[in-house]
Amino acid sequence: MSRSAVTTHILDTAAGHPARNIQVRLETRVGDGWRELGAARTDDDGRVSAIGPAAVEAGDYRLIFDTAGYFGDREHFFPEVVVTFTVADPAQHHHVPLLLSPFAISTYRGS
């Protein structure tokens, strides 16, 4: 699969390394619900470059990160992280990184 229109990268800021093997889903808003476009796991560098289509339409999307599966038995506050964002210009690539620790999260529009 080639690079998706939407990609992500997860860094475990508490451990100081990429977050490997986290399940991530990409969904798009349809009417009053959501439809899955793809699912993948982060690679050894914490990246997901192939999770959905190579092109998307303008609209609302979300990435759902299974952080409980990543943290396992370690104490954590966020069992799941959902990042919802709007694609205004479908011609652009949308990279949505996640900075993760057991008790804090941060995200931003990447490049």
Protein backbone atom coordinates (compact mmCIF):
# COMPACT_ATOMS: atom_id res chain seq x y z
CA MET A 1 0.00 0.00 0.00
CA SER A 2 1.30 3.48 -0.84
CA ARG A 3 1.33 6.44 1.54
CA SER A 4 -2.12 7.44 2.74
CA ALA A 5 -3.53 10.96 2.52
CA VAL A 6 -3.52 10.89 6.32
CA THR A 7 -0.52 9.60 8.29
CA THR A 8 0.55 9.61 11.92
CA HIS A 9 3.57 9.20 14.16
CA ILE A 10 3.45 8.41 17.88
CA LEU A 11 6.24 9.25 20.30
CA ASP A 12 6.22 7.94 23.86
CA THR A 13 7.57 11.05 25.56
CA ALA A 14 7.86 9.37 28.97
CA ALA A 15 10.00 6.54 27.62
CA GLY A 16 11.83 8.71 25.11
CA HIS A 17 11.25 6.54 22.03
CA PRO A 18 8.69 5.85 19.29
CA ALA A 19 5.53 4.06 20.40
CA ARG A 20 5.63 0.73 18.57
CA ASN A 21 2.75 -1.59 17.72
CA ILE A 22 -0.17 0.72 18.64
CA GLN A 23 -3.42 -0.06 16.85
CA VAL A 24 -4.72 3.04 14.99
CA ARG A 25 -8.01 3.47 13.09
CA LEU A 26 -8.89 6.21 10.58
CA GLU A 27 -12.55 7.14 10.27
CA THR A 28 -14.55 9.72 8.31
CA ARG A 29 -17.77 11.43 9.36
CA VAL A 30 -20.79 10.27 7.37
CA GLY A 31 -24.10 11.89 8.28
CA ASP A 32 -24.43 11.61 12.04
CA GLY A 33 -21.97 8.72 12.40
CA TRP A 34 -18.50 7.51 11.41
CA ARG A 35 -17.19 5.05 8.82
CA GLU A 36 -13.83 3.30 9.11
CA LEU A 37 -11.43 3.94 6.24
CA GLY A 38 -8.57 1.83 7.50
CA ALA A 39 -6.65 0.40 10.42
CA ALA A 40 -2.97 -0.29 11.02
CA ARG A 41 -0.32 -0.64 13.71
CA THR A 42 2.60 1.68 14.25
CA ASP A 43 5.91 0.36 12.97
CA ASP A 44 9.23 0.24 14.88
CA ASP A 45 9.61 4.00 14.31
CA GLY A 46 6.10 4.69 15.70
CA ARG A 47 4.78 5.59 12.25
CA VAL A 48 1.73 4.67 10.24
CA SER A 49 2.06 5.69 6.60
CA ALA A 50 -0.54 3.36 5.08
CA ILE A 51 -3.83 3.51 6.96
CA GLY A 52 -6.38 4.72 4.44
CA PRO A 53 -6.86 5.93 0.90
CA ALA A 54 -4.20 7.86 -1.02
CA ALA A 55 -6.73 10.71 -1.43
CA VAL A 56 -9.55 11.96 0.79
CA GLU A 57 -12.36 14.44 0.32
CA ALA A 58 -12.88 17.60 2.35
CA GLY A 59 -14.59 16.77 5.63
CA ASP A 60 -14.12 15.60 9.20
CA TYR A 61 -11.86 12.69 10.07
CA ARG A 62 -10.56 11.09 13.23
CA LEU A 63 -7.69 8.88 14.29
CA ILE A 64 -8.39 6.51 17.17
CA PHE A 65 -5.35 5.26 19.07
CA ASP A 66 -5.60 2.14 21.29
CA THR A 67 -3.34 3.39 24.05
CA ALA A 68 -4.62 0.86 26.62
CA GLY A 69 -3.24 -1.91 24.43
CA TYR A 70 0.09 -0.11 24.28
CA PHE A 71 0.40 0.60 28.01
CA GLY A 72 -0.89 -2.84 29.04
CA ASP A 73 -0.54 -3.32 32.81
CA ARG A 74 1.36 -0.05 33.29
CA GLU A 75 -0.64 2.65 35.06
CA HIS A 76 -2.14 5.14 32.58
CA PHE A 77 -4.95 7.68 32.35
CA PHE A 78 -5.95 7.56 28.66
CA PRO A 79 -7.15 4.10 27.50
CA GLU A 80 -7.95 5.56 24.08
CA VAL A 81 -7.05 8.78 22.33
CA VAL A 82 -9.32 10.19 19.64
CA VAL A 83 -8.02 13.05 17.51
CA THR A 84 -10.71 14.62 15.33
CA PHE A 85 -9.65 17.03 12.57
CA THR A 86 -10.98 18.71 9.44
CA VAL A 87 -9.53 18.31 5.96
CA ALA A 88 -10.23 21.59 4.20
CA ASP A 89 -7.87 21.10 1.25
CA PRO A 90 -7.85 17.48 0.05
CA ALA A 91 -4.85 18.22 -2.20
CA GLN A 92 -2.64 18.56 0.89
CA HIS A 93 -1.15 15.71 2.88
CA HIS A 94 -2.37 15.53 6.50
CA HIS A 95 0.10 14.27 9.09
CA VAL A 96 -1.30 14.06 12.64
CA PRO A 97 1.40 13.16 15.20
CA LEU A 98 0.64 12.14 18.78
CA LEU A 99 2.94 12.80 21.72
CA LEU A 100 2.00 10.28 24.38
CA SER A 101 2.80 9.55 27.99
CA PRO A 102 0.77 7.66 30.60
CA PHE A 103 -0.75 10.89 31.94
CA ALA A 104 -0.52 13.42 29.09
CA ILE A 105 -1.17 13.73 25.38
CA SER A 106 -0.46 16.37 22.76
CA THR A 107 -1.02 16.56 19.03
CA TYR A 108 -0.50 19.01 16.20
CA ARG A 109 -0.76 19.36 12.43
CA GLY A 110 2.50 17.98 11.12
CA SER A 111 4.03 17.99 7.68
